[in-house]
N, C-alpha and C. Protein backbone atom coordinates (compact mmCIF):
# COMPACT_ATOMS: atom_id res chain seq x y z
N MET A 1 -140.37 -0.76 -25.35
CA MET A 1 -139.89 -0.01 -25.11
C MET A 1 -139.31 -0.04 -23.73
N ALA A 2 -137.84 -0.28 -23.19
CA ALA A 2 -137.15 0.00 -21.76
C ALA A 2 -137.15 1.40 -21.57
N VAL A 3 -137.43 1.90 -20.63
CA VAL A 3 -136.97 3.06 -19.82
C VAL A 3 -135.82 2.78 -18.89
N ASN A 4 -134.68 3.68 -19.12
CA ASN A 4 -133.63 3.27 -17.80
C ASN A 4 -133.57 4.76 -17.11
N LEU A 5 -133.89 4.27 -15.41
CA LEU A 5 -133.86 5.44 -15.01
C LEU A 5 -132.75 5.58 -13.98
N SER A 6 -132.49 6.57 -13.90
CA SER A 6 -131.02 6.41 -12.59
C SER A 6 -132.01 6.41 -11.60
N PRO A 7 -130.68 5.87 -10.50
CA PRO A 7 -131.00 5.91 -8.78
C PRO A 7 -130.88 7.20 -8.65
N SER A 8 -131.84 7.81 -7.70
CA SER A 8 -132.12 9.02 -6.96
C SER A 8 -130.79 9.60 -5.61
N ALA A 9 -130.92 10.94 -6.18
CA ALA A 9 -129.56 11.08 -5.38
C ALA A 9 -129.12 10.55 -4.03
N GLY A 10 -130.35 10.47 -3.28
CA GLY A 10 -130.60 10.18 -1.89
C GLY A 10 -129.94 8.56 -1.85
N GLN A 11 -130.11 8.19 -2.75
CA GLN A 11 -129.77 6.68 -2.79
C GLN A 11 -128.31 6.18 -2.94
N THR A 12 -128.04 7.23 -4.23
CA THR A 12 -126.92 7.06 -4.18
C THR A 12 -125.69 7.79 -2.96
N GLY A 13 -125.99 8.78 -2.16
CA GLY A 13 -125.36 9.39 -1.31
C GLY A 13 -125.37 8.19 0.16
N GLN A 14 -126.17 7.38 0.10
CA GLN A 14 -126.59 6.59 0.93
C GLN A 14 -125.73 4.90 0.85
N ALA A 15 -125.41 5.01 -0.32
CA ALA A 15 -124.94 4.28 -1.26
C ALA A 15 -123.59 4.16 -0.50
N GLU A 16 -122.45 5.68 -1.43
CA GLU A 16 -121.79 5.85 -0.91
C GLU A 16 -121.27 5.84 0.47
N SER A 17 -121.98 6.72 1.18
CA SER A 17 -121.56 6.89 2.60
C SER A 17 -121.73 5.32 3.75
N GLU A 18 -122.54 4.42 2.91
CA GLU A 18 -122.19 2.85 3.95
C GLU A 18 -121.04 2.53 3.13
N MET A 19 -120.65 2.66 2.23
CA MET A 19 -118.98 2.17 1.23
C MET A 19 -118.22 2.67 2.12
N LEU A 20 -118.13 4.28 2.67
CA LEU A 20 -117.20 4.71 3.39
C LEU A 20 -117.38 4.26 4.84
N ALA A 21 -118.39 3.96 5.43
CA ALA A 21 -118.09 3.66 6.80
C ALA A 21 -117.84 2.04 6.75
N SER A 22 -117.97 1.45 5.58
CA SER A 22 -117.62 0.16 6.20
C SER A 22 -115.60 0.03 5.40
N GLN A 23 -115.55 0.86 4.53
CA GLN A 23 -114.20 1.01 4.47
C GLN A 23 -113.64 1.54 5.70
N LEU A 24 -114.29 2.91 6.69
CA LEU A 24 -113.43 2.97 8.01
C LEU A 24 -112.89 2.32 8.53
N GLU A 25 -114.18 1.40 8.58
CA GLU A 25 -114.05 0.72 10.26
C GLU A 25 -113.53 -0.72 10.09
N PHE A 26 -113.19 -0.84 8.43
CA PHE A 26 -111.65 -2.16 8.26
C PHE A 26 -110.25 -1.02 8.43
N ILE A 27 -110.24 0.03 8.08
CA ILE A 27 -109.01 0.81 8.50
C ILE A 27 -108.78 0.77 10.26
N LEU A 28 -109.98 0.75 10.63
CA LEU A 28 -109.62 0.96 12.01
C LEU A 28 -109.25 -0.26 12.71
N LYS A 29 -109.86 -1.41 12.23
CA LYS A 29 -110.00 -2.44 12.48
C LYS A 29 -108.12 -3.23 12.34
N MET A 30 -107.76 -2.73 11.25
CA MET A 30 -106.54 -2.72 10.63
C MET A 30 -105.59 -2.31 11.19
N ASN A 31 -105.79 -0.77 11.93
CA ASN A 31 -104.83 -0.04 12.69
C ASN A 31 -104.93 -0.36 13.96
N SER A 32 -105.95 -1.22 14.33
CA SER A 32 -105.77 -1.78 15.95
C SER A 32 -104.85 -2.87 15.73
N ALA A 33 -104.61 -3.64 14.83
CA ALA A 33 -104.75 -5.29 14.30
C ALA A 33 -102.91 -4.70 14.67
N PHE A 34 -102.40 -3.83 13.74
CA PHE A 34 -100.93 -3.41 13.73
C PHE A 34 -100.38 -2.78 14.54
N LEU A 35 -101.56 -1.78 15.64
CA LEU A 35 -101.07 -1.43 16.73
C LEU A 35 -100.59 -2.27 17.56
N GLY A 36 -101.47 -2.98 17.75
CA GLY A 36 -101.14 -4.52 18.88
C GLY A 36 -99.92 -5.65 18.68
N PHE A 37 -99.69 -5.67 17.10
CA PHE A 37 -98.49 -6.01 16.71
C PHE A 37 -97.48 -5.45 17.24
N LEU A 38 -97.46 -3.89 17.12
CA LEU A 38 -96.28 -2.90 17.39
C LEU A 38 -95.91 -3.43 18.97
N GLY A 39 -96.91 -3.09 19.84
CA GLY A 39 -97.22 -3.19 21.53
C GLY A 39 -96.57 -4.82 21.79
N ILE A 40 -97.04 -5.79 20.70
CA ILE A 40 -96.19 -6.66 21.09
C ILE A 40 -95.00 -7.05 21.17
N ILE A 41 -93.84 -6.65 19.79
CA ILE A 41 -93.05 -6.33 19.28
C ILE A 41 -92.07 -5.71 20.28
N GLY A 42 -92.51 -4.71 20.62
CA GLY A 42 -91.89 -3.61 21.39
C GLY A 42 -91.74 -4.66 23.10
N ALA A 43 -92.48 -4.77 23.45
CA ALA A 43 -92.53 -5.46 24.84
C ALA A 43 -91.04 -6.66 24.84
N LEU A 44 -91.65 -7.49 23.07
CA LEU A 44 -90.26 -8.54 23.53
C LEU A 44 -89.00 -8.04 23.21
N LEU A 45 -88.80 -7.12 22.62
CA LEU A 45 -87.65 -6.15 22.18
C LEU A 45 -87.24 -5.40 23.83
N THR A 46 -88.28 -4.93 24.63
CA THR A 46 -87.91 -4.54 25.86
C THR A 46 -87.21 -5.34 26.79
N TRP A 47 -87.86 -6.65 26.85
CA TRP A 47 -87.38 -7.67 27.91
C TRP A 47 -85.92 -8.59 27.18
N PHE A 48 -86.13 -8.48 25.90
CA PHE A 48 -84.84 -9.06 25.78
C PHE A 48 -83.25 -7.71 25.81
N PHE A 49 -83.60 -6.98 25.56
CA PHE A 49 -82.16 -5.88 25.52
C PHE A 49 -82.23 -5.30 27.31
N LYS A 50 -83.37 -5.94 27.82
CA LYS A 50 -82.99 -5.62 29.68
C LYS A 50 -82.66 -6.93 30.08
N ASN A 51 -82.51 -8.21 29.32
CA ASN A 51 -81.52 -9.26 29.82
C ASN A 51 -80.69 -9.23 29.35
N ASN A 52 -80.29 -8.47 28.23
CA ASN A 52 -78.86 -8.23 28.00
C ASN A 52 -77.90 -7.45 28.67
N LEU A 53 -79.15 -6.09 28.99
CA LEU A 53 -78.14 -5.17 30.21
C LEU A 53 -77.89 -5.98 31.21
N GLU A 54 -78.78 -6.51 31.70
CA GLU A 54 -78.57 -6.95 33.49
C GLU A 54 -77.23 -8.41 33.39
N ASP A 55 -77.39 -9.02 31.69
CA ASP A 55 -76.20 -9.65 31.74
C ASP A 55 -74.76 -8.83 31.51
N ALA A 56 -74.64 -7.88 31.54
CA ALA A 56 -73.56 -6.87 30.25
C ALA A 56 -73.33 -6.52 31.72
N LYS A 57 -74.24 -5.95 32.95
CA LYS A 57 -74.11 -5.26 34.19
C LYS A 57 -73.24 -6.36 34.85
N LYS A 58 -73.47 -7.62 34.93
CA LYS A 58 -72.80 -8.85 35.68
C LYS A 58 -71.17 -9.57 35.11
N VAL A 59 -71.19 -8.80 33.88
CA VAL A 59 -69.88 -9.11 33.20
C VAL A 59 -68.92 -7.90 33.53
N ALA A 60 -69.44 -6.74 33.67
CA ALA A 60 -68.33 -5.06 33.78
C ALA A 60 -68.47 -5.34 35.95
N SER A 61 -69.27 -6.11 36.35
CA SER A 61 -69.28 -5.92 37.80
C SER A 61 -67.74 -7.26 37.79
N GLN A 62 -67.81 -8.28 37.44
CA GLN A 62 -67.07 -9.29 37.66
C GLN A 62 -65.53 -8.88 37.27
N MET A 63 -65.20 -7.98 35.91
CA MET A 63 -63.90 -7.54 35.71
C MET A 63 -63.37 -6.84 36.55
N VAL A 64 -64.72 -5.90 36.84
CA VAL A 64 -64.23 -4.81 37.95
C VAL A 64 -63.39 -5.58 39.68
């Protein structure tokens, strides 16, 4: 005769907290990677528009 024993409440809670901790760690890593990506894109866009603004100033000064 087999007896089915369910895990105690402490073991279940510990497993859930470990799972939540690993999910939180994953979300924080993804968030950091996404913010780094946005930072790089922002830097590239700033450089691009700064160069275009300088070119526009040169053209405008040549026209005047």
